[in-house]
Protein backbone atom coordinates (compact mmCIF):
# COMPACT_ATOMS: atom_id res chain seq x y z
CA MET A 1 79.92 26.43 -113.94
CA ALA A 2 83.46 26.56 -115.22
CA ALA A 3 83.26 30.28 -115.97
CA PHE A 4 83.07 31.12 -112.26
CA SER A 5 86.11 28.96 -111.52
CA LEU A 6 88.10 30.63 -114.27
CA ILE A 7 87.13 34.13 -113.17
CA TRP A 8 87.89 33.38 -109.52
CA SER A 9 91.28 31.84 -110.42
CA ALA A 10 92.26 34.73 -112.68
CA ARG A 11 91.20 37.20 -109.99
CA SER A 12 93.34 35.38 -107.43
CA ILE A 13 96.39 35.63 -109.69
CA CYS A 14 95.82 39.35 -110.31
CA SER A 15 95.01 40.19 -106.72
CA ARG A 16 97.38 43.13 -106.33
CA PRO A 17 95.67 46.55 -106.65
CA PRO A 18 97.39 47.70 -109.87
CA GLU A 19 96.25 44.60 -111.78
CA GLU A 20 92.88 44.35 -110.07
CA ASN A 21 92.05 47.96 -110.91
CA ARG A 22 92.44 47.20 -114.63
CA VAL A 23 89.39 44.89 -114.54
CA PRO A 24 86.18 46.93 -114.62
CA GLY A 25 83.90 43.89 -114.47
CA PHE A 26 83.11 40.49 -115.95
CA VAL A 27 81.31 39.17 -119.02
CA ILE A 28 80.07 35.58 -119.26
CA ASN A 29 80.52 34.42 -122.85
CA ARG A 30 78.75 31.63 -124.77
CA PHE A 31 76.15 30.93 -122.07
CA ARG A 32 73.72 28.14 -122.86
CA GLY A 33 70.61 27.67 -120.77
CA ASP A 34 68.15 29.49 -118.55
CA ILE A 35 69.58 32.79 -117.30
CA ALA A 36 67.47 32.48 -114.13
CA LEU A 37 69.62 29.51 -113.10
CA LEU A 38 72.72 31.69 -113.40
CA GLU A 39 71.45 34.65 -111.32
CA SER A 40 72.58 33.40 -107.90
CA GLY A 41 76.06 32.71 -109.27
CA LEU A 42 76.30 36.19 -110.77
CA THR A 43 75.26 37.73 -107.45
CA TRP A 44 77.86 35.59 -105.63
CA LEU A 45 80.56 36.69 -108.07
CA GLU A 46 79.73 40.38 -107.68
CA GLU A 47 79.63 40.14 -103.87
CA ARG A 48 82.94 38.24 -103.65
CA THR A 49 84.90 40.34 -106.12
CA GLY A 50 83.33 43.77 -105.69
CA LYS A 51 83.15 43.98 -109.50
CA PRO A 52 79.94 44.02 -111.56
CA VAL A 53 78.89 41.43 -114.10
CA LEU A 54 78.65 43.60 -117.21
CA GLY A 55 76.74 41.11 -119.29
CA VAL A 56 75.93 37.54 -120.25
CA LEU A 57 76.34 36.74 -123.92
CA PRO A 58 74.36 33.79 -125.28
CA TYR A 59 75.80 30.94 -127.28
CA LEU A 60 74.68 31.45 -130.86
CA HIS A 61 74.46 28.34 -133.04
CA GLY A 62 76.00 28.68 -136.47
CA LEU A 63 78.01 31.80 -135.62
CA MET A 64 81.27 30.01 -136.54
CA LEU A 65 83.59 31.87 -134.16
CA ASP A 66 87.07 30.46 -133.74
CA ALA A 67 87.48 28.13 -130.80
CA GLU A 68 88.93 30.15 -127.95
CA ASP A 69 89.99 27.42 -125.56
CA ALA A 70 90.31 24.31 -127.69
CA ILE A 71 91.78 23.03 -130.93
CA ALA A 72 89.27 23.38 -133.74
CA THR A 73 88.50 19.94 -135.15
CA VAL A 74 85.99 20.95 -137.81
CA THR A 75 86.43 22.86 -141.03
CA VAL A 76 85.10 26.42 -141.03
CA ASP A 77 84.61 27.85 -144.52
CA SER A 78 87.79 27.19 -146.49
CA GLN A 79 90.10 26.74 -143.49
CA LYS A 80 91.43 23.26 -142.79
CA ALA A 81 90.74 21.65 -139.43
CA ALA A 82 93.55 20.71 -137.08
CA LYS A 83 94.71 17.11 -137.24
CA ILE A 84 94.77 15.44 -133.84
């Protein structure tokens, strides 16, 4: 899962104690699928980082949140989509 790679990479960049102490834990956002399949990964993450997984938020269809890691290509309400 890409989320684990991103968390591990970010943790590696902020590996000095002052930065690391600012992170109380992790939240997995927009998860789609069976949570039971994710459990072993969450345990691995907690064991490797020493930080708890604070929650797993499900992906909700029709919520219309802004794209956080991509260029929006569809129109949401009255906003115009990006032209690619």
